[in-house]
Amino acid sequence: MPKGQPTTVPDDGLTTRQRRNRPLVFVHTGIGKGKSTAAFGLALRAWNQGWPIGVFQFVKSAKWKVGEENALRVLGASGEGGTVDWHKMGEGWSWIQRDSDLSNEEKAREGWEQVKRDLAAERYKLYVLDEFAYPMHWGWIDTDEVIEVLRDRPGTQHVVITGRNAPEKLVEFADLVTDMSKVKHPMDTGQKGQRGIEW
């Protein structure tokens, strides 16, 4: 793909500008490291463009401090780029009041309901649905519904979904899919995750 030129131009009736600026769905899946990291790198690019960003963490504990969270929160509050809202399962989804005894499945469903509300309101330009492939894989959230909502979302909202075992229907629907394969990992030889690398 020399100089960023597409290899084919579809006969879809769109102008080059319309095709270039259409909203995308990204899926980062596979057993290798780097799915969320790549999504947060995309968020940095979006922040630089001044886009409002919504990050929704679906599986990781609210107590787990992801390294990119602090950096993106600081950048979002700096007034120099886009805004950043960060929502973690276990800390509530935006303004929703929840019972702390809700199961992870119920929390994931609430998170998805909040994403649907935000998409309908066109609240963000980029949505990072971190580890969202898991609730679909486990059957907590219906993949067909997710595809329908994403297909019908208004405006120019981009959505990136991370997590292992992304459902095949979602993979087929998405515009960009990256499968992170693992060649080697330090954990294979008994080394635990370390500060600055895993978090």
Protein backbone atom coordinates (compact mmCIF):
# COMPACT_ATOMS: atom_id res chain seq x y z
CA MET A 1 0.00 0.00 0.00
CA PRO A 2 2.38 2.76 -1.19
CA LYS A 3 1.89 6.29 0.19
CA GLY A 4 -1.31 5.29 1.99
CA GLN A 5 -3.23 4.60 -1.21
CA PRO A 6 -5.97 1.93 -1.07
CA THR A 7 -5.41 -1.09 -3.29
CA THR A 8 -9.02 -1.02 -4.53
CA VAL A 9 -11.69 1.66 -4.91
CA PRO A 10 -15.22 0.30 -4.42
CA ASP A 11 -18.08 1.34 -6.64
CA ASP A 12 -20.17 2.56 -3.68
CA GLY A 13 -21.17 6.00 -4.92
CA LEU A 14 -19.15 7.77 -2.23
CA THR A 15 -16.62 10.49 -2.88
CA THR A 16 -13.05 9.91 -1.76
CA ARG A 17 -13.61 12.33 1.16
CA GLN A 18 -16.87 10.61 2.22
CA ARG A 19 -15.23 7.20 2.13
CA ARG A 20 -12.16 8.47 3.96
CA ASN A 21 -14.16 10.01 6.81
CA ARG A 22 -16.70 7.25 7.44
CA PRO A 23 -16.82 5.97 11.03
CA LEU A 24 -14.97 2.73 11.73
CA VAL A 25 -15.31 -0.27 14.03
CA PHE A 26 -12.00 -1.77 15.15
CA VAL A 27 -11.52 -5.15 16.82
CA HIS A 28 -8.27 -6.05 18.62
CA THR A 29 -8.39 -9.73 19.52
CA GLY A 30 -6.10 -12.77 19.85
CA ILE A 31 -4.03 -14.30 22.64
CA GLY A 32 -1.05 -11.97 22.32
CA LYS A 33 -0.22 -8.95 24.47
CA GLY A 34 -1.03 -5.46 23.23
CA LYS A 35 -4.76 -5.36 22.41
CA SER A 36 -5.68 -2.70 24.97
CA THR A 37 -2.35 -0.96 24.54
CA ALA A 38 -3.03 -0.49 20.83
CA ALA A 39 -6.52 0.83 21.58
CA PHE A 40 -5.12 3.37 24.03
CA GLY A 41 -2.56 4.41 21.42
CA LEU A 42 -5.48 5.11 19.11
CA ALA A 43 -7.04 7.16 21.92
CA LEU A 44 -3.87 9.27 22.07
CA ARG A 45 -4.23 10.05 18.37
CA ALA A 46 -7.90 10.93 18.90
CA TRP A 47 -7.01 13.18 21.85
CA ASN A 48 -4.48 14.99 19.67
CA GLN A 49 -7.25 15.67 17.12
CA GLY A 50 -9.44 17.20 19.84
CA TRP A 51 -11.95 14.35 19.83
CA PRO A 52 -14.01 13.56 22.95
CA ILE A 53 -13.11 10.03 24.08
CA GLY A 54 -15.05 7.55 26.19
CA VAL A 55 -13.19 4.58 27.67
CA PHE A 56 -15.30 1.73 29.07
CA GLN A 57 -13.44 -1.07 30.86
CA PHE A 58 -15.68 -4.14 30.97
CA VAL A 59 -13.70 -6.85 32.75
CA LYS A 60 -10.71 -5.41 34.56
CA SER A 61 -11.33 -4.70 38.22
CA ALA A 62 -12.07 -1.10 39.20
CA LYS A 63 -9.17 -1.45 41.66
CA TRP A 64 -6.69 -2.27 38.89
CA LYS A 65 -4.90 0.92 37.88
CA VAL A 66 -4.14 0.70 34.17
CA GLY A 67 -1.10 2.82 33.30
CA GLU A 68 -2.79 4.54 30.38
CA GLU A 69 -5.72 5.62 32.56
CA ASN A 70 -3.77 8.24 34.51
CA ALA A 71 -2.03 9.56 31.39
CA LEU A 72 -5.26 9.90 29.41
CA ARG A 73 -7.11 11.47 32.35
CA VAL A 74 -4.37 14.08 32.73
CA LEU A 75 -4.35 14.77 29.00
CA GLY A 76 -8.14 14.98 28.91
CA ALA A 77 -8.15 17.56 31.70
CA SER A 78 -5.30 19.59 30.19
CA GLY A 79 -7.53 21.59 27.85
CA GLU A 80 -5.09 21.03 24.99
CA GLY A 81 -6.71 18.13 23.15
CA GLY A 82 -9.93 16.18 23.43
CA THR A 83 -11.75 15.33 26.63
CA VAL A 84 -11.47 11.85 28.17
CA ASP A 85 -14.10 10.11 30.29
CA TRP A 86 -13.04 6.82 31.87
CA HIS A 87 -15.64 4.32 33.10
CA LYS A 88 -14.70 1.14 34.95
CA MET A 89 -16.88 -1.78 35.88
CA GLY A 90 -17.25 -1.65 39.65
CA GLU A 91 -17.06 2.14 39.80
CA GLY A 92 -20.37 2.86 38.08
CA TRP A 93 -21.25 3.72 34.52
CA SER A 94 -21.54 7.49 34.24
CA TRP A 95 -24.51 8.63 36.36
CA ILE A 96 -26.12 5.22 36.94
CA GLN A 97 -26.67 4.39 40.62
CA ARG A 98 -26.01 0.68 41.24
CA ASP A 99 -26.20 -1.84 43.98
CA SER A 100 -22.66 -2.95 44.85
CA ASP A 101 -23.86 -6.56 45.00
CA LEU A 102 -24.58 -6.74 41.27
CA SER A 103 -22.77 -9.54 39.45
CA ASN A 104 -20.09 -8.91 36.85
CA GLU A 105 -22.60 -9.97 34.21
CA GLU A 106 -25.10 -7.36 35.38
CA LYS A 107 -22.38 -4.71 35.55
CA ALA A 108 -21.31 -5.54 32.00
CA ARG A 109 -24.89 -5.24 30.80
CA GLU A 110 -25.25 -1.88 32.53
CA GLY A 111 -22.03 -0.75 30.87
CA TRP A 112 -23.36 -1.74 27.47
CA GLU A 113 -26.62 0.13 28.16
CA GLN A 114 -24.56 3.24 28.95
CA VAL A 115 -22.57 2.84 25.74
CA LYS A 116 -25.83 2.59 23.79
CA ARG A 117 -27.11 5.81 25.41
CA ASP A 118 -23.87 7.61 24.64
CA LEU A 119 -23.85 6.42 21.02
CA ALA A 120 -27.44 7.60 20.56
CA ALA A 121 -26.49 11.00 22.01
CA GLU A 122 -23.24 11.13 19.95
CA ARG A 123 -21.38 11.89 23.17
CA TYR A 124 -17.93 10.76 22.00
CA LYS A 125 -16.02 10.65 18.74
CA LEU A 126 -14.00 7.60 19.89
CA TYR A 127 -15.21 4.79 22.14
CA VAL A 128 -12.70 2.35 23.61
CA LEU A 129 -14.68 -0.71 24.75
CA ASP A 130 -11.84 -2.44 26.58
CA GLU A 131 -12.23 -6.20 27.08
CA PHE A 132 -15.75 -5.99 25.60
CA ALA A 133 -15.15 -9.13 23.52
CA TYR A 134 -15.36 -11.21 26.73
CA PRO A 135 -18.99 -10.37 27.68
CA MET A 136 -20.04 -11.27 24.14
CA HIS A 137 -17.97 -14.48 24.14
CA TRP A 138 -19.47 -15.50 27.50
CA GLY A 139 -23.02 -14.82 26.26
CA TRP A 140 -23.65 -11.96 28.68
CA ILE A 141 -24.28 -9.51 25.84
CA ASP A 142 -25.86 -10.46 22.53
CA THR A 143 -23.43 -10.08 19.64
CA ASP A 144 -26.23 -9.54 17.12
CA GLU A 145 -27.52 -6.63 19.19
CA VAL A 146 -24.04 -5.12 19.41
CA ILE A 147 -23.65 -5.32 15.63
CA GLU A 148 -27.07 -3.78 15.06
CA VAL A 149 -26.37 -0.89 17.43
CA LEU A 150 -22.96 -0.23 15.89
CA ARG A 151 -24.34 -0.47 12.35
CA ASP A 152 -27.07 2.06 13.15
CA ARG A 153 -25.02 4.47 15.27
CA PRO A 154 -25.44 8.10 14.18
CA GLY A 155 -22.77 10.55 13.15
CA THR A 156 -19.10 9.74 12.80
CA GLN A 157 -18.38 7.79 15.98
CA HIS A 158 -15.46 5.37 15.92
CA VAL A 159 -15.53 2.29 18.17
CA VAL A 160 -12.63 0.02 19.14
CA ILE A 161 -13.36 -3.27 20.92
CA THR A 162 -10.62 -5.30 22.61
CA GLY A 163 -10.43 -8.77 24.12
CA ARG A 164 -9.67 -12.39 23.32
CA ASN A 165 -12.17 -14.59 21.53
CA ALA A 166 -14.00 -11.85 19.66
CA PRO A 167 -17.13 -13.44 18.17
CA GLU A 168 -16.78 -14.34 14.49
CA LYS A 169 -19.86 -12.29 13.58
CA LEU A 170 -18.24 -9.21 15.11
CA VAL A 171 -14.98 -9.91 13.28
CA GLU A 172 -16.86 -10.16 9.98
CA PHE A 173 -18.74 -6.92 10.68
CA ALA A 174 -15.77 -4.79 11.79
CA ASP A 175 -13.86 -2.53 9.42
CA LEU A 176 -10.42 -3.22 10.90
CA VAL A 177 -9.49 -6.39 12.75
CA THR A 178 -6.12 -7.14 14.29
CA ASP A 179 -5.40 -10.56 15.74
CA MET A 180 -2.56 -10.27 18.23
CA SER A 181 -0.70 -13.56 18.10
CA LYS A 182 1.80 -14.62 20.73
CA VAL A 183 5.24 -15.77 19.66
CA LYS A 184 6.92 -15.52 23.08
CA HIS A 185 6.01 -14.03 26.46
CA PRO A 186 8.04 -13.76 29.69
CA MET A 187 5.21 -15.46 31.59
CA ASP A 188 5.99 -18.60 29.57
CA THR A 189 9.22 -18.86 31.56
CA GLY A 190 7.68 -18.03 34.95
CA GLN A 191 8.13 -14.25 35.02
CA LYS A 192 5.21 -12.30 36.46
CA GLY A 193 3.94 -9.02 35.00
CA GLN A 194 5.93 -5.95 35.93
CA ARG A 195 5.34 -2.27 36.60
CA GLY A 196 5.67 -0.12 33.49
CA ILE A 197 5.16 -3.09 31.18
CA GLU A 198 1.84 -4.68 32.17
CA TRP A 199 0.45 -1.69 34.07
